[in-house]
Amino acid sequence: TSGLPERLGLATLVTGNTTDFRLAGDTCSA
């Protein structure tokens, strides 16, 4: 929503029960 580009890093699952969740269709990372 800003007037400038935003630099995005890698979307990552951290802490807890990470094996129960998964990522797909990521158009944001890097």
PDB file of all heavy atoms in Angstrom:
ATOM      1  N   THR A   1       0.813  -1.217   0.000  1.00  0.00           N
ATOM      2  CA  THR A   1       0.000   0.000   0.000  1.00  0.00           C
ATOM      3  C   THR A   1       0.848   1.269   0.000  1.00  0.00           C
ATOM      4  O   THR A   1       0.306   2.367   0.074  1.00  0.00           O
ATOM      5  CB  THR A   1      -0.930   0.015   1.227  1.00  0.00           C
ATOM      6  OG1 THR A   1      -0.140  -0.085   2.422  1.00  0.00           O
ATOM      7  CG2 THR A   1      -1.912  -1.145   1.179  1.00  0.00           C
ATOM      8  N   SER A   2       2.162   1.110  -0.090  1.00  0.00           N
ATOM      9  CA  SER A   2       3.050   2.280  -0.069  1.00  0.00           C
ATOM     10  C   SER A   2       3.279   2.790  -1.491  1.00  0.00           C
ATOM     11  O   SER A   2       2.814   2.201  -2.464  1.00  0.00           O
ATOM     12  CB  SER A   2       4.389   1.915   0.576  1.00  0.00           C
ATOM     13  OG  SER A   2       5.169   1.129  -0.310  1.00  0.00           O
ATOM     14  N   GLY A   3       4.022   3.862  -1.603  1.00  0.00           N
ATOM     15  CA  GLY A   3       4.356   4.410  -2.920  1.00  0.00           C
ATOM     16  C   GLY A   3       5.709   3.960  -3.426  1.00  0.00           C
ATOM     17  O   GLY A   3       6.190   4.468  -4.444  1.00  0.00           O
ATOM     18  N   LEU A   4       6.331   2.993  -2.731  1.00  0.00           N
ATOM     19  CA  LEU A   4       7.660   2.516  -3.102  1.00  0.00           C
ATOM     20  C   LEU A   4       7.659   0.995  -3.194  1.00  0.00           C
ATOM     21  O   LEU A   4       6.840   0.326  -2.550  1.00  0.00           O
ATOM     22  CB  LEU A   4       8.700   2.966  -2.062  1.00  0.00           C
ATOM     23  CG  LEU A   4       8.903   4.472  -1.898  1.00  0.00           C
ATOM     24  CD1 LEU A   4       9.803   4.746  -0.700  1.00  0.00           C
ATOM     25  CD2 LEU A   4       9.484   5.083  -3.173  1.00  0.00           C
ATOM     26  N   PRO A   5       8.580   0.414  -3.953  1.00  0.00           N
ATOM     27  CA  PRO A   5       8.707  -1.056  -3.974  1.00  0.00           C
ATOM     28  C   PRO A   5       9.119  -1.554  -2.591  1.00  0.00           C
ATOM     29  O   PRO A   5       9.807  -0.860  -1.832  1.00  0.00           O
ATOM     30  CB  PRO A   5       9.804  -1.308  -5.005  1.00  0.00           C
ATOM     31  CG  PRO A   5       9.889  -0.055  -5.816  1.00  0.00           C
ATOM     32  CD  PRO A   5       9.517   1.064  -4.894  1.00  0.00           C
ATOM     33  N   GLU A   6       8.696  -2.781  -2.254  1.00  0.00           N
ATOM     34  CA  GLU A   6       9.095  -3.416  -1.001  1.00  0.00           C
ATOM     35  C   GLU A   6       9.937  -4.651  -1.310  1.00  0.00           C
ATOM     36  O   GLU A   6       9.578  -5.463  -2.172  1.00  0.00           O
ATOM     37  CB  GLU A   6       7.875  -3.820  -0.174  1.00  0.00           C
ATOM     38  CG  GLU A   6       7.136  -2.623   0.419  1.00  0.00           C
ATOM     39  CD  GLU A   6       6.118  -3.047   1.459  1.00  0.00           C
ATOM     40  OE1 GLU A   6       5.347  -3.993   1.173  1.00  0.00           O
ATOM     41  OE2 GLU A   6       6.087  -2.449   2.543  1.00  0.00           O
ATOM     42  N   ARG A   7      11.054  -4.785  -0.608  1.00  0.00           N
ATOM     43  CA  ARG A   7      11.946  -5.926  -0.777  1.00  0.00           C
ATOM     44  C   ARG A   7      11.495  -7.055   0.151  1.00  0.00           C
ATOM     45  O   ARG A   7      11.400  -6.871   1.368  1.00  0.00           O
ATOM     46  CB  ARG A   7      13.384  -5.528  -0.454  1.00  0.00           C
ATOM     47  CG  ARG A   7      13.999  -4.531  -1.443  1.00  0.00           C
ATOM     48  CD  ARG A   7      15.372  -4.060  -1.007  1.00  0.00           C
ATOM     49  NE  ARG A   7      15.290  -3.211   0.187  1.00  0.00           N
ATOM     50  CZ  ARG A   7      15.668  -3.579   1.389  1.00  0.00           C
ATOM     51  NH1 ARG A   7      16.169  -4.800   1.582  1.00  0.00           N
ATOM     52  NH2 ARG A   7      15.564  -2.745   2.416  1.00  0.00           N
ATOM     53  N   LEU A   8      11.219  -8.208  -0.442  1.00  0.00           N
ATOM     54  CA  LEU A   8      10.692  -9.336   0.318  1.00  0.00           C
ATOM     55  C   LEU A   8      11.737 -10.443   0.417  1.00  0.00           C
ATOM     56  O   LEU A   8      12.421 -10.753  -0.560  1.00  0.00           O
ATOM     57  CB  LEU A   8       9.437  -9.901  -0.357  1.00  0.00           C
ATOM     58  CG  LEU A   8       8.329  -8.894  -0.710  1.00  0.00           C
ATOM     59  CD1 LEU A   8       7.141  -9.628  -1.322  1.00  0.00           C
ATOM     60  CD2 LEU A   8       7.902  -8.098   0.512  1.00  0.00           C
ATOM     61  N   GLY A   9      11.843 -11.028   1.602  1.00  0.00           N
ATOM     62  CA  GLY A   9      12.719 -12.178   1.799  1.00  0.00           C
ATOM     63  C   GLY A   9      11.953 -13.473   1.613  1.00  0.00           C
ATOM     64  O   GLY A   9      10.873 -13.512   1.008  1.00  0.00           O
ATOM     65  N   LEU A  10      12.495 -14.563   2.148  1.00  0.00           N
ATOM     66  CA  LEU A  10      11.906 -15.885   1.970  1.00  0.00           C
ATOM     67  C   LEU A  10      10.815 -16.138   3.008  1.00  0.00           C
ATOM     68  O   LEU A  10      11.032 -15.947   4.219  1.00  0.00           O
ATOM     69  CB  LEU A  10      12.972 -16.967   2.101  1.00  0.00           C
ATOM     70  CG  LEU A  10      14.047 -17.011   1.013  1.00  0.00           C
ATOM     71  CD1 LEU A  10      15.071 -18.104   1.342  1.00  0.00           C
ATOM     72  CD2 LEU A  10      13.430 -17.261  -0.351  1.00  0.00           C
ATOM     73  N   ALA A  11       9.642 -16.544   2.532  1.00  0.00           N
ATOM     74  CA  ALA A  11       8.577 -16.984   3.440  1.00  0.00           C
ATOM     75  C   ALA A  11       8.994 -18.321   4.053  1.00  0.00           C
ATOM     76  O   ALA A  11       9.358 -19.262   3.335  1.00  0.00           O
ATOM     77  CB  ALA A  11       7.270 -17.138   2.680  1.00  0.00           C
ATOM     78  N   THR A  12       8.932 -18.418   5.391  1.00  0.00           N
ATOM     79  CA  THR A  12       9.478 -19.584   6.084  1.00  0.00           C
ATOM     80  C   THR A  12       8.586 -19.957   7.261  1.00  0.00           C
ATOM     81  O   THR A  12       8.037 -19.088   7.939  1.00  0.00           O
ATOM     82  CB  THR A  12      10.897 -19.284   6.615  1.00  0.00           C
ATOM     83  OG1 THR A  12      11.701 -18.793   5.545  1.00  0.00           O
ATOM     84  CG2 THR A  12      11.533 -20.531   7.191  1.00  0.00           C
ATOM     85  N   LEU A  13       8.459 -21.258   7.504  1.00  0.00           N
ATOM     86  CA  LEU A  13       7.801 -21.752   8.704  1.00  0.00           C
ATOM     87  C   LEU A  13       8.838 -21.901   9.811  1.00  0.00           C
ATOM     88  O   LEU A  13       9.874 -22.544   9.614  1.00  0.00           O
ATOM     89  CB  LEU A  13       7.128 -23.101   8.438  1.00  0.00           C
ATOM     90  CG  LEU A  13       5.976 -23.091   7.432  1.00  0.00           C
ATOM     91  CD1 LEU A  13       5.579 -24.523   7.075  1.00  0.00           C
ATOM     92  CD2 LEU A  13       4.782 -22.328   7.980  1.00  0.00           C
ATOM     93  N   VAL A  14       8.570 -21.306  10.969  1.00  0.00           N
ATOM     94  CA  VAL A  14       9.533 -21.356  12.070  1.00  0.00           C
ATOM     95  C   VAL A  14       8.821 -21.762  13.354  1.00  0.00           C
ATOM     96  O   VAL A  14       7.657 -21.450  13.562  1.00  0.00           O
ATOM     97  CB  VAL A  14      10.245 -20.003  12.271  1.00  0.00           C
ATOM     98  CG1 VAL A  14      11.016 -19.600  11.032  1.00  0.00           C
ATOM     99  CG2 VAL A  14       9.253 -18.907  12.640  1.00  0.00           C
ATOM    100  N   THR A  15       9.508 -22.465  14.210  1.00  0.00           N
ATOM    101  CA  THR A  15       9.095 -22.873  15.555  1.00  0.00           C
ATOM    102  C   THR A  15       7.846 -23.746  15.546  1.00  0.00           C
ATOM    103  O   THR A  15       7.072 -23.760  14.599  1.00  0.00           O
ATOM    104  CB  THR A  15       8.855 -21.676  16.501  1.00  0.00           C
ATOM    105  OG1 THR A  15       7.610 -21.033  16.152  1.00  0.00           O
ATOM    106  CG2 THR A  15       9.981 -20.672  16.421  1.00  0.00           C
ATOM    107  N   GLY A  16       7.685 -24.470  16.659  1.00  0.00           N
ATOM    108  CA  GLY A  16       6.474 -25.254  16.846  1.00  0.00           C
ATOM    109  C   GLY A  16       6.422 -26.497  15.980  1.00  0.00           C
ATOM    110  O   GLY A  16       7.434 -27.126  15.654  1.00  0.00           O
ATOM    111  N   ASN A  17       5.194 -26.850  15.567  1.00  0.00           N
ATOM    112  CA  ASN A  17       4.947 -28.094  14.827  1.00  0.00           C
ATOM    113  C   ASN A  17       5.041 -27.847  13.331  1.00  0.00           C
ATOM    114  O   ASN A  17       4.058 -27.970  12.586  1.00  0.00           O
ATOM    115  CB  ASN A  17       3.568 -28.642  15.197  1.00  0.00           C
ATOM    116  CG  ASN A  17       3.298 -28.647  16.694  1.00  0.00           C
ATOM    117  OD1 ASN A  17       2.414 -27.949  17.161  1.00  0.00           O
ATOM    118  ND2 ASN A  17       4.073 -29.408  17.440  1.00  0.00           N
ATOM    119  N   THR A  18       6.227 -27.508  12.850  1.00  0.00           N
ATOM    120  CA  THR A  18       6.391 -27.078  11.455  1.00  0.00           C
ATOM    121  C   THR A  18       6.068 -28.186  10.459  1.00  0.00           C
ATOM    122  O   THR A  18       5.665 -27.899   9.333  1.00  0.00           O
ATOM    123  CB  THR A  18       7.831 -26.587  11.212  1.00  0.00           C
ATOM    124  OG1 THR A  18       8.752 -27.613  11.593  1.00  0.00           O
ATOM    125  CG2 THR A  18       8.112 -25.334  12.026  1.00  0.00           C
ATOM    126  N   THR A  19       6.209 -29.469  10.841  1.00  0.00           N
ATOM    127  CA  THR A  19       5.954 -30.541   9.890  1.00  0.00           C
ATOM    128  C   THR A  19       4.470 -30.714   9.591  1.00  0.00           C
ATOM    129  O   THR A  19       4.108 -31.403   8.634  1.00  0.00           O
ATOM    130  CB  THR A  19       6.519 -31.873  10.405  1.00  0.00           C
ATOM    131  OG1 THR A  19       5.919 -32.183  11.676  1.00  0.00           O
ATOM    132  CG2 THR A  19       8.030 -31.792  10.559  1.00  0.00           C
ATOM    133  N   ASP A  20       3.603 -30.109  10.375  1.00  0.00           N
ATOM    134  CA  ASP A  20       2.161 -30.214  10.138  1.00  0.00           C
ATOM    135  C   ASP A  20       1.666 -29.181   9.134  1.00  0.00           C
ATOM    136  O   ASP A  20       0.505 -29.233   8.715  1.00  0.00           O
ATOM    137  CB  ASP A  20       1.387 -30.020  11.448  1.00  0.00           C
ATOM    138  CG  ASP A  20       1.621 -31.164  12.422  1.00  0.00           C
ATOM    139  OD1 ASP A  20       2.781 -31.397  12.809  1.00  0.00           O
ATOM    140  OD2 ASP A  20       0.649 -31.824  12.790  1.00  0.00           O
ATOM    141  N   PHE A  21       2.515 -28.243   8.770  1.00  0.00           N
ATOM    142  CA  PHE A  21       2.154 -27.173   7.851  1.00  0.00           C
ATOM    143  C   PHE A  21       3.084 -27.216   6.643  1.00  0.00           C
ATOM    144  O   PHE A  21       4.205 -27.696   6.732  1.00  0.00           O
ATOM    145  CB  PHE A  21       2.241 -25.810   8.549  1.00  0.00           C
ATOM    146  CG  PHE A  21       1.362 -25.697   9.762  1.00  0.00           C
ATOM    147  CD1 PHE A  21       1.822 -26.090  11.013  1.00  0.00           C
ATOM    148  CD2 PHE A  21       0.072 -25.211   9.656  1.00  0.00           C
ATOM    149  CE1 PHE A  21       1.012 -25.998  12.138  1.00  0.00           C
ATOM    150  CE2 PHE A  21      -0.744 -25.123  10.766  1.00  0.00           C
ATOM    151  CZ  PHE A  21      -0.271 -25.518  12.010  1.00  0.00           C
ATOM    152  N   ARG A  22       2.618 -26.697   5.518  1.00  0.00           N
ATOM    153  CA  ARG A  22       3.456 -26.668   4.312  1.00  0.00           C
ATOM    154  C   ARG A  22       3.115 -25.428   3.501  1.00  0.00           C
ATOM    155  O   ARG A  22       2.022 -24.868   3.603  1.00  0.00           O
ATOM    156  CB  ARG A  22       3.241 -27.929   3.485  1.00  0.00           C
ATOM    157  CG  ARG A  22       1.819 -28.091   2.960  1.00  0.00           C
ATOM    158  CD  ARG A  22       1.594 -29.449   2.323  1.00  0.00           C
ATOM    159  NE  ARG A  22       1.551 -30.504   3.314  1.00  0.00           N
ATOM    160  CZ  ARG A  22       1.306 -31.791   3.028  1.00  0.00           C
ATOM    161  NH1 ARG A  22       1.103 -32.160   1.759  1.00  0.00           N
ATOM    162  NH2 ARG A  22       1.267 -32.699   3.966  1.00  0.00           N
ATOM    163  N   LEU A  23       4.084 -24.996   2.673  1.00  0.00           N
ATOM    164  CA  LEU A  23       3.919 -23.814   1.833  1.00  0.00           C
ATOM    165  C   LEU A  23       3.864 -24.227   0.370  1.00  0.00           C
ATOM    166  O   LEU A  23       4.514 -25.178  -0.044  1.00  0.00           O
ATOM    167  CB  LEU A  23       5.073 -22.832   2.050  1.00  0.00           C
ATOM    168  CG  LEU A  23       5.309 -22.339   3.483  1.00  0.00           C
ATOM    169  CD1 LEU A  23       6.466 -21.351   3.516  1.00  0.00           C
ATOM    170  CD2 LEU A  23       4.049 -21.705   4.061  1.00  0.00           C
ATOM    171  N   ALA A  24       3.093 -23.486  -0.413  1.00  0.00           N
ATOM    172  CA  ALA A  24       2.992 -23.736  -1.853  1.00  0.00           C
ATOM    173  C   ALA A  24       2.533 -22.445  -2.518  1.00  0.00           C
ATOM    174  O   ALA A  24       2.057 -21.512  -1.863  1.00  0.00           O
ATOM    175  CB  ALA A  24       2.011 -24.865  -2.153  1.00  0.00           C
ATOM    176  N   GLY A  25       2.702 -22.373  -3.833  1.00  0.00           N
ATOM    177  CA  GLY A  25       2.203 -21.222  -4.585  1.00  0.00           C
ATOM    178  C   GLY A  25       2.757 -19.900  -4.095  1.00  0.00           C
ATOM    179  O   GLY A  25       2.050 -18.881  -4.105  1.00  0.00           O
ATOM    180  N   ASP A  26       4.008 -19.889  -3.687  1.00  0.00           N
ATOM    181  CA  ASP A  26       4.621 -18.694  -3.113  1.00  0.00           C
ATOM    182  C   ASP A  26       5.046 -17.734  -4.227  1.00  0.00           C
ATOM    183  O   ASP A  26       5.989 -18.003  -4.973  1.00  0.00           O
ATOM    184  CB  ASP A  26       5.828 -19.109  -2.267  1.00  0.00           C
ATOM    185  CG  ASP A  26       6.551 -17.945  -1.623  1.00  0.00           C
ATOM    186  OD1 ASP A  26       6.105 -16.796  -1.783  1.00  0.00           O
ATOM    187  OD2 ASP A  26       7.566 -18.204  -0.945  1.00  0.00           O
ATOM    188  N   THR A  27       4.341 -16.605  -4.338  1.00  0.00           N
ATOM    189  CA  THR A  27       4.710 -15.572  -5.317  1.00  0.00           C
ATOM    190  C   THR A  27       5.334 -14.363  -4.649  1.00  0.00           C
ATOM    191  O   THR A  27       5.516 -13.328  -5.301  1.00  0.00           O
ATOM    192  CB  THR A  27       3.485 -15.128  -6.132  1.00  0.00           C
ATOM    193  OG1 THR A  27       2.533 -14.484  -5.260  1.00  0.00           O
ATOM    194  CG2 THR A  27       2.819 -16.313  -6.824  1.00  0.00           C
ATOM    195  N   CYS A  28       5.665 -14.492  -3.351  1.00  0.00           N
ATOM    196  CA  CYS A  28       6.204 -13.354  -2.603  1.00  0.00           C
ATOM    197  C   CYS A  28       7.711 -13.421  -2.387  1.00  0.00           C
ATOM    198  O   CYS A  28       8.393 -12.391  -2.437  1.00  0.00           O
ATOM    199  CB  CYS A  28       5.516 -13.264  -1.228  1.00  0.00           C
ATOM    200  SG  CYS A  28       3.774 -12.786  -1.267  1.00  0.00           S
ATOM    201  N   SER A  29       8.244 -14.593  -2.131  1.00  0.00           N
ATOM    202  CA  SER A  29       9.618 -14.721  -1.645  1.00  0.00           C
ATOM    203  C   SER A  29      10.651 -14.179  -2.632  1.00  0.00           C
ATOM    204  O   SER A  29      10.545 -14.376  -3.850  1.00  0.00           O
ATOM    205  CB  SER A  29       9.936 -16.191  -1.349  1.00  0.00           C
ATOM    206  OG  SER A  29       9.259 -16.629  -0.197  1.00  0.00           O
ATOM    207  N   ALA A  30      11.652 -13.500  -2.058  1.00  0.00           N
ATOM    208  CA  ALA A  30      12.851 -13.060  -2.781  1.00  0.00           C
ATOM    209  C   ALA A  30      12.511 -12.253  -4.026  1.00  0.00           C
ATOM    210  O   ALA A  30      13.005 -12.519  -5.126  1.00  0.00           O
ATOM    211  CB  ALA A  30      13.720 -14.261  -3.139  1.00  0.00           C
TER     212      ALA A  30
END
